[in-house]
C-alpha atoms as a PDB file:
ATOM      1  CA  MET A   1     -98.994  -0.404 116.836  1.00  0.00           C
ATOM      2  CA  ASN A   2    -102.754  -0.845 117.215  1.00  0.00           C
ATOM      3  CA  SER A   3    -104.936  -2.607 114.677  1.00  0.00           C
ATOM      4  CA  GLN A   4    -106.280   0.590 113.162  1.00  0.00           C
ATOM      5  CA  THR A   5    -102.869   2.127 112.558  1.00  0.00           C
ATOM      6  CA  GLY A   6    -101.635  -1.055 110.962  1.00  0.00           C
ATOM      7  CA  ARG A   7    -104.657  -1.756 108.738  1.00  0.00           C
ATOM      8  CA  GLY A   8    -106.057   1.744 108.312  1.00  0.00           C
ATOM      9  CA  TYR A   9    -109.547   0.826 109.558  1.00  0.00           C
ATOM     10  CA  LEU A  10    -111.634  -0.830 112.292  1.00  0.00           C
ATOM     11  CA  GLY A  11    -114.468  -3.306 111.945  1.00  0.00           C
ATOM     12  CA  ILE A  12    -117.809  -2.495 113.544  1.00  0.00           C
ATOM     13  CA  GLY A  13    -117.104  -4.842 116.470  1.00  0.00           C
ATOM     14  CA  GLU A  14    -113.823  -3.058 117.203  1.00  0.00           C
ATOM     15  CA  VAL A  15    -115.603   0.312 117.098  1.00  0.00           C
ATOM     16  CA  LEU A  16    -118.111  -0.984 119.651  1.00  0.00           C
ATOM     17  CA  ALA A  17    -115.253  -2.149 121.869  1.00  0.00           C
ATOM     18  CA  GLN A  18    -113.677   1.308 121.715  1.00  0.00           C
ATOM     19  CA  LEU A  19    -116.847   3.240 122.504  1.00  0.00           C
ATOM     20  CA  ARG A  20    -118.839   0.954 124.812  1.00  0.00           C
ATOM     21  CA  GLY A  21    -116.931   1.942 127.947  1.00  0.00           C
ATOM     22  CA  GLU A  22    -117.952   5.579 127.467  1.00  0.00           C
ATOM     23  CA  TYR A  23    -121.314   4.927 125.802  1.00  0.00           C
ATOM     24  CA  PRO A  24    -122.774   1.654 127.172  1.00  0.00           C
ATOM     25  CA  ASP A  25    -125.900   1.860 125.003  1.00  0.00           C
ATOM     26  CA  ILE A  26    -123.974   1.833 121.709  1.00  0.00           C
ATOM     27  CA  SER A  27    -124.914  -1.105 119.497  1.00  0.00           C
ATOM     28  CA  VAL A  28    -124.563  -2.402 115.964  1.00  0.00           C
ATOM     29  CA  SER A  29    -128.173  -1.457 115.220  1.00  0.00           C
ATOM     30  CA  LYS A  30    -127.604   2.101 116.454  1.00  0.00           C
ATOM     31  CA  ILE A  31    -124.523   2.523 114.260  1.00  0.00           C
ATOM     32  CA  ARG A  32    -126.469   1.196 111.274  1.00  0.00           C
ATOM     33  CA  PHE A  33    -129.317   3.603 112.060  1.00  0.00           C
ATOM     34  CA  LEU A  34    -126.927   6.586 112.165  1.00  0.00           C
ATOM     35  CA  GLU A  35    -125.562   5.486 108.792  1.00  0.00           C
ATOM     36  CA  THR A  36    -129.079   5.206 107.366  1.00  0.00           C
ATOM     37  CA  GLU A  37    -129.823   8.733 108.606  1.00  0.00           C
ATOM     38  CA  GLY A  38    -126.711  10.049 106.832  1.00  0.00           C
ATOM     39  CA  LEU A  39    -124.723  11.053 109.919  1.00  0.00           C
ATOM     40  CA  ILE A  40    -121.855   8.647 109.236  1.00  0.00           C
ATOM     41  CA  ALA A  41    -120.585   7.060 106.036  1.00  0.00           C
ATOM     42  CA  PRO A  42    -117.965   4.364 106.710  1.00  0.00           C
ATOM     43  CA  ALA A  43    -116.206   2.703 103.791  1.00  0.00           C
ATOM     44  CA  ARG A  44    -117.147  -0.823 102.750  1.00  0.00           C
ATOM     45  CA  SER A  45    -114.998  -3.874 102.084  1.00  0.00           C
ATOM     46  CA  PRO A  46    -115.522  -5.846  98.834  1.00  0.00           C
ATOM     47  CA  SER A  47    -117.713  -8.252 100.829  1.00  0.00           C
ATOM     48  CA  GLY A  48    -119.812  -5.395 102.235  1.00  0.00           C
ATOM     49  CA  TYR A  49    -118.404  -5.079 105.763  1.00  0.00           C
ATOM     50  CA  ARG A  50    -118.175  -1.586 107.248  1.00  0.00           C
ATOM     51  CA  ARG A  51    -114.654  -0.205 107.663  1.00  0.00           C
ATOM     52  CA  PHE A  52    -114.206   2.722 110.050  1.00  0.00           C
ATOM     53  CA  CYS A  53    -111.226   5.087 109.932  1.00  0.00           C
ATOM     54  CA  ALA A  54    -110.147   7.230 112.889  1.00  0.00           C
ATOM     55  CA  ALA A  55    -112.252  10.165 111.647  1.00  0.00           C
ATOM     56  CA  ASP A  56    -115.346   7.947 111.520  1.00  0.00           C
ATOM     57  CA  VAL A  57    -114.836   6.905 115.145  1.00  0.00           C
ATOM     58  CA  GLU A  58    -114.376  10.518 116.269  1.00  0.00           C
ATOM     59  CA  ARG A  59    -117.516  11.507 114.363  1.00  0.00           C
ATOM     60  CA  LEU A  60    -119.440   8.753 116.141  1.00  0.00           C
ATOM     61  CA  ARG A  61    -118.073   9.908 119.481  1.00  0.00           C
ATOM     62  CA  TYR A  62    -119.231  13.471 118.757  1.00  0.00           C
ATOM     63  CA  ILE A  63    -122.740  12.293 117.795  1.00  0.00           C
ATOM     64  CA  LEU A  64    -123.114  10.118 120.873  1.00  0.00           C
ATOM     65  CA  ALA A  65    -121.882  12.880 123.172  1.00  0.00           C
ATOM     66  CA  ALA A  66    -124.256  15.420 121.624  1.00  0.00           C
ATOM     67  CA  GLN A  67    -127.182  13.039 122.160  1.00  0.00           C
ATOM     68  CA  ARG A  68    -126.286  12.090 125.712  1.00  0.00           C
ATOM     69  CA  ASP A  69    -124.932  15.356 127.116  1.00  0.00           C
ATOM     70  CA  GLN A  70    -126.864  17.999 125.157  1.00  0.00           C
ATOM     71  CA  TYR A  71    -130.028  16.021 124.324  1.00  0.00           C
ATOM     72  CA  LEU A  72    -129.777  17.212 120.724  1.00  0.00           C
ATOM     73  CA  PRO A  73    -131.981  15.597 118.070  1.00  0.00           C
ATOM     74  CA  LEU A  74    -130.229  13.962 115.130  1.00  0.00           C
ATOM     75  CA  ARG A  75    -131.412  16.692 112.754  1.00  0.00           C
ATOM     76  CA  VAL A  76    -129.584  19.361 114.752  1.00  0.00           C
ATOM     77  CA  ILE A  77    -126.465  17.194 115.118  1.00  0.00           C
ATOM     78  CA  LYS A  78    -126.412  16.641 111.370  1.00  0.00           C
ATOM     79  CA  GLU A  79    -126.681  20.392 110.744  1.00  0.00           C
ATOM     80  CA  ARG A  80    -123.823  21.100 113.140  1.00  0.00           C
ATOM     81  CA  LEU A  81    -121.635  18.491 111.481  1.00  0.00           C
ATOM     82  CA  ALA A  82    -122.388  20.048 108.089  1.00  0.00           C
ATOM     83  CA  ASP A  83    -121.369  23.482 109.443  1.00  0.00           C
ATOM     84  CA  VAL A  84    -118.063  22.119 110.719  1.00  0.00           C
ATOM     85  CA  GLU A  85    -117.111  20.286 107.510  1.00  0.00           C
ATOM     86  CA  PRO A  86    -116.717  23.375 105.225  1.00  0.00           C
ATOM     87  CA  THR A  87    -114.471  24.985 107.849  1.00  0.00           C
ATOM     88  CA  ASP A  88    -112.314  21.879 108.147  1.00  0.00           C
ATOM     89  CA  GLY A  89    -112.049  21.731 104.364  1.00  0.00           C
ATOM     90  CA  ASP A  90    -109.705  24.759 104.273  1.00  0.00           C
ATOM     91  CA  ARG A  91    -107.215  23.787 106.953  1.00  0.00           C
ATOM     92  CA  MET A  92    -103.704  22.450 106.556  1.00  0.00           C
ATOM     93  CA  LEU A  93    -102.842  19.114 108.161  1.00  0.00           C
ATOM     94  CA  SER A  94     -99.681  17.879 109.800  1.00  0.00           C
ATOM     95  CA  ARG A  95     -98.437  14.396 108.978  1.00  0.00           C
ATOM     96  CA  ARG A  96     -99.752  13.066 112.275  1.00  0.00           C
ATOM     97  CA  GLU A  97    -103.182  14.662 111.726  1.00  0.00           C
ATOM     98  CA  LEU A  98    -103.430  13.262 108.211  1.00  0.00           C
ATOM     99  CA  LEU A  99    -102.551   9.756 109.393  1.00  0.00           C
ATOM    100  CA  ALA A 100    -105.085   9.899 112.228  1.00  0.00           C
ATOM    101  CA  GLU A 101    -107.978  11.451 110.315  1.00  0.00           C
ATOM    102  CA  ALA A 102    -107.537   9.230 107.260  1.00  0.00           C
ATOM    103  CA  GLY A 103    -106.964   6.116 109.375  1.00  0.00           C
ATOM    104  CA  MET A 104    -103.959   5.184 107.280  1.00  0.00           C
ATOM    105  CA  SER A 105    -100.569   3.635 107.982  1.00  0.00           C
ATOM    106  CA  GLU A 106     -97.191   5.342 107.654  1.00  0.00           C
ATOM    107  CA  ALA A 107     -96.298   2.848 104.938  1.00  0.00           C
ATOM    108  CA  LEU A 108     -99.312   3.747 102.782  1.00  0.00           C
ATOM    109  CA  LEU A 109     -98.704   7.471 103.214  1.00  0.00           C
ATOM    110  CA  THR A 110     -95.088   7.044 102.147  1.00  0.00           C
ATOM    111  CA  GLU A 111     -96.173   5.079  99.071  1.00  0.00           C
ATOM    112  CA  LEU A 112     -98.733   7.702  98.096  1.00  0.00           C
ATOM    113  CA  GLU A 113     -96.044  10.366  98.342  1.00  0.00           C
ATOM    114  CA  THR A 114     -93.609   8.240  96.338  1.00  0.00           C
ATOM    115  CA  TYR A 115     -96.098   7.902  93.474  1.00  0.00           C
ATOM    116  CA  GLY A 116     -97.100  11.564  93.540  1.00  0.00           C
ATOM    117  CA  LEU A 117    -100.631  11.133  94.851  1.00  0.00           C
ATOM    118  CA  LEU A 118     -99.955  13.186  97.987  1.00  0.00           C
ATOM    119  CA  ARG A 119     -97.682  16.217  98.082  1.00  0.00           C
ATOM    120  CA  ARG A 120     -96.625  18.320 101.014  1.00  0.00           C
ATOM    121  CA  ILE A 121     -96.706  22.098 101.135  1.00  0.00           C
ATOM    122  CA  GLY A 122     -93.714  22.767 103.340  1.00  0.00           C
ATOM    123  CA  ARG A 123     -94.252  20.421 106.274  1.00  0.00           C
ATOM    124  CA  SER A 124     -98.034  20.251 105.929  1.00  0.00           C
ATOM    125  CA  TYR A 125    -100.646  18.796 103.602  1.00  0.00           C
ATOM    126  CA  GLY A 126    -103.271  20.817 101.769  1.00  0.00           C
ATOM    127  CA  PRO A 127    -107.069  20.582 102.204  1.00  0.00           C
ATOM    128  CA  ASP A 128    -107.521  18.035  99.405  1.00  0.00           C
ATOM    129  CA  ALA A 129    -104.962  15.624 100.869  1.00  0.00           C
ATOM    130  CA  LEU A 130    -107.430  14.180 103.377  1.00  0.00           C
ATOM    131  CA  GLN A 131    -109.906  13.218 100.652  1.00  0.00           C
ATOM    132  CA  VAL A 132    -107.142  11.611  98.596  1.00  0.00           C
ATOM    133  CA  ALA A 133    -105.867   9.733 101.649  1.00  0.00           C
ATOM    134  CA  ARG A 134    -109.304   8.475 102.728  1.00  0.00           C
ATOM    135  CA  THR A 135    -110.102   7.319  99.201  1.00  0.00           C
ATOM    136  CA  ALA A 136    -106.777   5.507  98.956  1.00  0.00           C
ATOM    137  CA  VAL A 137    -107.484   3.761 102.274  1.00  0.00           C
ATOM    138  CA  ALA A 138    -110.906   2.658 101.017  1.00  0.00           C
ATOM    139  CA  LEU A 139    -109.343   1.324  97.808  1.00  0.00           C
ATOM    140  CA  THR A 140    -106.871  -0.809  99.740  1.00  0.00           C
ATOM    141  CA  ALA A 141    -109.857  -2.880 100.902  1.00  0.00           C
ATOM    142  CA  TYR A 142    -110.203  -3.976  97.272  1.00  0.00           C
ATOM    143  CA  GLY A 143    -106.536  -4.827  96.889  1.00  0.00           C
ATOM    144  CA  VAL A 144    -105.603  -1.573  95.163  1.00  0.00           C
ATOM    145  CA  GLU A 145    -102.041  -0.466  95.934  1.00  0.00           C
ATOM    146  CA  ALA A 146    -100.562   3.005  95.627  1.00  0.00           C
ATOM    147  CA  ARG A 147     -98.594   1.990  92.532  1.00  0.00           C
ATOM    148  CA  HIS A 148    -101.854   1.080  90.791  1.00  0.00           C
ATOM    149  CA  LEU A 149    -103.009   4.681  91.171  1.00  0.00           C
ATOM    150  CA  ARG A 150    -100.209   6.232  89.122  1.00  0.00           C
ATOM    151  CA  ALA A 151    -102.435   6.096  86.046  1.00  0.00           C
ATOM    152  CA  VAL A 152    -105.153   8.032  87.892  1.00  0.00           C
ATOM    153  CA  ARG A 153    -102.633  10.726  88.823  1.00  0.00           C
ATOM    154  CA  ALA A 154    -101.327  10.916  85.266  1.00  0.00           C
ATOM    155  CA  ALA A 155    -104.862  11.263  83.882  1.00  0.00           C
ATOM    156  CA  ALA A 156    -105.649  14.046  86.369  1.00  0.00           C
ATOM    157  CA  GLU A 157    -102.522  15.926  85.337  1.00  0.00           C
ATOM    158  CA  ARG A 158    -103.390  15.631  81.628  1.00  0.00           C
ATOM    159  CA  GLU A 159    -106.926  16.883  82.259  1.00  0.00           C
ATOM    160  CA  THR A 160    -105.601  19.779  84.343  1.00  0.00           C
ATOM    161  CA  THR A 161    -103.195  20.746  81.563  1.00  0.00           C
ATOM    162  CA  MET A 162    -106.125  20.812  79.106  1.00  0.00           C
ATOM    163  CA  ILE A 163    -108.202  23.015  81.434  1.00  0.00           C
ATOM    164  CA  GLU A 164    -105.278  25.390  81.976  1.00  0.00           C
ATOM    165  CA  SER A 165    -104.880  25.810  78.212  1.00  0.00           C
ATOM    166  CA  LEU A 166    -108.593  26.529  77.833  1.00  0.00           C
ATOM    167  CA  VAL A 167    -108.674  29.285  80.458  1.00  0.00           C
ATOM    168  CA  ALA A 168    -105.350  30.811  79.414  1.00  0.00           C
ATOM    169  CA  PRO A 169    -107.063  33.338  77.070  1.00  0.00           C
ATOM    170  CA  ILE A 170    -109.121  34.625  80.006  1.00  0.00           C
ATOM    171  CA  LEU A 171    -106.010  35.107  82.140  1.00  0.00           C
ATOM    172  CA  ARG A 172    -104.429  37.132  79.341  1.00  0.00           C
ATOM    173  CA  GLN A 173    -107.283  39.631  79.428  1.00  0.00           C
ATOM    174  CA  ARG A 174    -106.578  42.885  81.221  1.00  0.00           C
ATOM    175  CA  ALA A 175    -110.168  43.442  82.285  1.00  0.00           C
ATOM    176  CA  SER A 176    -110.888  43.524  85.989  1.00  0.00           C
ATOM    177  CA  GLY A 177    -112.270  40.274  87.272  1.00  0.00           C
ATOM    178  CA  ALA A 178    -110.508  38.210  84.622  1.00  0.00           C
ATOM    179  CA  ARG A 179    -108.832  35.997  87.204  1.00  0.00           C
ATOM    180  CA  ASP A 180    -112.094  35.356  89.053  1.00  0.00           C
ATOM    181  CA  LEU A 181    -113.732  34.446  85.738  1.00  0.00           C
ATOM    182  CA  ALA A 182    -110.844  32.083  84.936  1.00  0.00           C
ATOM    183  CA  ILE A 183    -111.254  30.350  88.308  1.00  0.00           C
ATOM    184  CA  ARG A 184    -115.014  29.926  87.805  1.00  0.00           C
ATOM    185  CA  THR A 185    -114.517  28.684  84.259  1.00  0.00           C
ATOM    186  CA  ALA A 186    -111.857  26.190  85.356  1.00  0.00           C
ATOM    187  CA  GLY A 187    -114.279  24.885  87.983  1.00  0.00           C
ATOM    188  CA  ASP A 188    -117.050  24.499  85.403  1.00  0.00           C
ATOM    189  CA  LEU A 189    -114.706  22.688  83.019  1.00  0.00           C
ATOM    190  CA  ALA A 190    -113.458  20.405  85.788  1.00  0.00           C
ATOM    191  CA  ASP A 191    -117.047  19.480  86.675  1.00  0.00           C
ATOM    192  CA  LEU A 192    -117.845  18.638  83.042  1.00  0.00           C
ATOM    193  CA  VAL A 193    -114.660  16.595  82.640  1.00  0.00           C
ATOM    194  CA  LEU A 194    -115.454  14.606  85.796  1.00  0.00           C
ATOM    195  CA  ARG A 195    -119.010  13.963  84.631  1.00  0.00           C
ATOM    196  CA  LEU A 196    -117.777  12.831  81.236  1.00  0.00           C
ATOM    197  CA  HIS A 197    -115.175  10.602  82.884  1.00  0.00           C
ATOM    198  CA  GLY A 198    -117.856   8.977  85.041  1.00  0.00           C
ATOM    199  CA  ALA A 199    -120.103   8.420  82.028  1.00  0.00           C
ATOM    200  CA  LEU A 200    -117.279   6.816  80.047  1.00  0.00           C
ATOM    201  CA  VAL A 201    -116.341   4.500  82.919  1.00  0.00           C
ATOM    202  CA  ALA A 202    -119.985   3.453  83.313  1.00  0.00           C
ATOM    203  CA  GLU A 203    -120.260   2.836  79.570  1.00  0.00           C
ATOM    204  CA  THR A 204    -117.080   0.763  79.506  1.00  0.00           C
ATOM    205  CA  LEU A 205    -118.221  -1.327  82.483  1.00  0.00           C
ATOM    206  CA  ALA A 206    -121.526  -1.935  80.728  1.00  0.00           C
ATOM    207  CA  GLU A 207    -119.699  -3.128  77.625  1.00  0.00           C
ATOM    208  CA  ALA A 208    -117.734  -5.517  79.824  1.00  0.00           C
ATOM    209  CA  GLY A 209    -120.942  -6.831  81.370  1.00  0.00           C
ATOM    210  CA  LEU A 210    -120.111  -5.342  84.793  1.00  0.00           C
ATOM    211  CA  ALA A 211    -122.891  -2.779  85.119  1.00  0.00           C
ATOM    212  CA  ALA A 212    -126.392  -3.294  86.466  1.00  0.00           C
ATOM    213  CA  SER A 213    -129.173  -3.299  83.910  1.00  0.00           C
ATOM    214  CA  GLY A 214    -129.970   0.244  82.829  1.00  0.00           C
ATOM    215  CA  ALA A 215    -127.042   1.701  84.774  1.00  0.00           C
ATOM    216  CA  ALA A 216    -124.905   2.657  81.783  1.00  0.00           C
ATOM    217  CA  SER A 217    -124.603   6.396  81.263  1.00  0.00           C
ATOM    218  CA  THR A 218    -124.359   8.260  78.000  1.00  0.00           C
ATOM    219  CA  ALA A 219    -121.751  10.906  77.346  1.00  0.00           C
ATOM    220  CA  VAL A 220    -122.472  14.221  79.049  1.00  0.00           C
ATOM    221  CA  ARG A 221    -123.908  16.819  76.696  1.00  0.00           C
ATOM    222  CA  PRO A 222    -124.112  20.157  78.529  1.00  0.00           C
ATOM    223  CA  GLY A 223    -126.946  22.402  77.492  1.00  0.00           C
ATOM    224  CA  PRO A 224    -126.615  25.995  76.332  1.00  0.00           C
ATOM    225  CA  ALA A 225    -126.964  27.375  79.840  1.00  0.00           C
ATOM    226  CA  GLU A 226    -123.925  25.394  80.928  1.00  0.00           C
ATOM    227  CA  THR A 227    -121.650  26.209  77.993  1.00  0.00           C
ATOM    228  CA  THR A 228    -122.402  29.639  76.558  1.00  0.00           C
ATOM    229  CA  GLY A 229    -120.738  31.713  79.289  1.00  0.00           C
ATOM    230  CA  TRP A 230    -117.324  30.123  79.331  1.00  0.00           C
ATOM    231  CA  GLN A 231    -117.225  29.458  75.572  1.00  0.00           C
ATOM    232  CA  ASP A 232    -117.775  33.162  74.887  1.00  0.00           C
ATOM    233  CA  ALA A 233    -115.220  34.090  77.552  1.00  0.00           C
ATOM    234  CA  ILE A 234    -112.402  32.075  75.992  1.00  0.00           C
ATOM    235  CA  GLY A 235    -113.083  33.366  72.525  1.00  0.00           C
ATOM    236  CA  GLY A 236    -114.128  30.118  70.890  1.00  0.00           C
ATOM    237  CA  VAL A 237    -111.116  28.074  71.987  1.00  0.00           C
ATOM    238  CA  LEU A 238    -113.446  25.103  72.299  1.00  0.00           C
END
């Protein structure tokens, strides 16, 4: 077992060691520059050190190859990466692919499945599984274990149940396009719930003295343009 499989990440020095044989001009300053330009976004440890998963290393390899072999400017490389990401977002992943792309260990994946944070569809994992897995890996750097995340899963399920009840009247309509409207409305509601959740967390941290000055957020109050459509559609359920 290599260090990345065991820990779920590589330090910047280990990334250099992996890539320097193929790309001799790679350096810490170049990696930092690519991060500053928004081409890579490695996780950070509590002390601020960069932590690279397998997907981060492959992304770096792609960028370096595009520069060296195709002489592409960073702007074009960034655009190509952005084009690839929406396509990848819809694909199913095997267990091996999920482990490699999230840079996680078998043990962590098993724990996430045990606590209901990751669920298989047949023998594969859905498009959202990679984001869940990568976030869980990043949280382990702060000492967060899979069992600590059960409350997050439970909260997500409660919020989903609320959203389902709110769009139920739309689904009961016989008009054409009702299902599409329900899907759009559920997405709008989910966005508002997430924004409210973020505001409440920021407010609570501020009350605990753990937020930077002026960083506390107030509760989200959507304007008429955000609310009128779906409130009318569900017949005043809200």
